[in-house]
C-alpha atoms as a PDB file:
ATOM      1  CA  MET A   1      -5.953 -15.409   1.263  1.00  0.00           C
ATOM      2  CA  LYS A   2      -4.534 -12.659   3.464  1.00  0.00           C
ATOM      3  CA  LYS A   3      -1.172 -12.918   1.712  1.00  0.00           C
ATOM      4  CA  LEU A   4      -2.901 -12.203  -1.592  1.00  0.00           C
ATOM      5  CA  VAL A   5      -4.540  -9.128  -0.060  1.00  0.00           C
ATOM      6  CA  VAL A   6      -1.158  -7.975   1.263  1.00  0.00           C
ATOM      7  CA  ILE A   7       0.441  -8.371  -2.162  1.00  0.00           C
ATOM      8  CA  LEU A   8      -2.381  -6.477  -3.877  1.00  0.00           C
ATOM      9  CA  LEU A   9      -2.243  -3.672  -1.321  1.00  0.00           C
ATOM     10  CA  VAL A  10       1.507  -3.287  -1.738  1.00  0.00           C
ATOM     11  CA  LEU A  11       1.229  -3.241  -5.534  1.00  0.00           C
ATOM     12  CA  LEU A  12      -1.552  -0.673  -5.375  1.00  0.00           C
ATOM     13  CA  ALA A  13       0.493   1.383  -2.919  1.00  0.00           C
ATOM     14  CA  ILE A  14       3.488   1.404  -5.253  1.00  0.00           C
ATOM     15  CA  VAL A  15       1.324   2.521  -8.160  1.00  0.00           C
ATOM     16  CA  MET A  16      -0.274   5.279  -6.072  1.00  0.00           C
ATOM     17  CA  ILE A  17       3.104   6.537  -4.836  1.00  0.00           C
ATOM     18  CA  VAL A  18       4.658   6.537  -8.320  1.00  0.00           C
ATOM     19  CA  MET A  19       1.645   8.314  -9.828  1.00  0.00           C
ATOM     20  CA  GLY A  20       1.609  10.867  -7.007  1.00  0.00           C
ATOM     21  CA  ILE A  21       5.304  11.652  -7.273  1.00  0.00           C
ATOM     22  CA  GLY A  22       5.144  11.763 -11.074  1.00  0.00           C
ATOM     23  CA  ASN A  23       2.350  14.344 -11.025  1.00  0.00           C
ATOM     24  CA  PHE A  24       3.579  16.233  -7.929  1.00  0.00           C
ATOM     25  CA  MET A  25       0.434  15.379  -5.945  1.00  0.00           C
ATOM     26  CA  ILE A  26       0.581  14.665  -2.219  1.00  0.00           C
ATOM     27  CA  PRO A  27      -2.787  12.877  -1.592  1.00  0.00           C
ATOM     28  CA  PRO A  28      -2.031   9.773  -3.710  1.00  0.00           C
ATOM     29  CA  VAL A  29       1.364   9.454  -2.025  1.00  0.00           C
ATOM     30  CA  LEU A  30      -0.248   9.611   1.408  1.00  0.00           C
ATOM     31  CA  THR A  31      -2.836   7.040   0.335  1.00  0.00           C
ATOM     32  CA  GLY A  32      -0.049   4.755  -0.884  1.00  0.00           C
ATOM     33  CA  ILE A  33       1.712   5.058   2.467  1.00  0.00           C
ATOM     34  CA  GLY A  34      -1.573   4.231   4.190  1.00  0.00           C
ATOM     35  CA  PHE A  35      -1.992   1.137   2.014  1.00  0.00           C
ATOM     36  CA  ILE A  36       1.495   0.002   3.002  1.00  0.00           C
ATOM     37  CA  ALA A  37       0.582   0.449   6.675  1.00  0.00           C
ATOM     38  CA  ILE A  38      -2.601  -1.598   6.219  1.00  0.00           C
ATOM     39  CA  ALA A  39      -0.661  -4.307   4.371  1.00  0.00           C
ATOM     40  CA  TYR A  40       1.864  -4.403   7.219  1.00  0.00           C
ATOM     41  CA  VAL A  41      -0.925  -4.918   9.766  1.00  0.00           C
ATOM     42  CA  PHE A  42      -2.498  -7.683   7.664  1.00  0.00           C
ATOM     43  CA  PHE A  43       0.880  -9.370   7.228  1.00  0.00           C
ATOM     44  CA  LYS A  44       1.668  -9.274  10.943  1.00  0.00           C
ATOM     45  CA  GLU A  45      -1.831 -10.538  11.770  1.00  0.00           C
ATOM     46  CA  SER A  46      -1.535 -13.473   9.368  1.00  0.00           C
ATOM     47  CA  GLN A  47       1.737 -14.548  10.997  1.00  0.00           C
ATOM     48  CA  HIS A  48       0.084 -15.138  14.394  1.00  0.00           C
END
């Protein structure tokens, strides 16, 4: 289940980053980076 959450977070992060860069907006890019950080924590937690 956690792997599915990680995959969804990464996909959402990619979309947020692409939309932010495409429209020259910083907040969506920062949110996308935050989603990647959260996905990383979930992924590391699920490995233990």
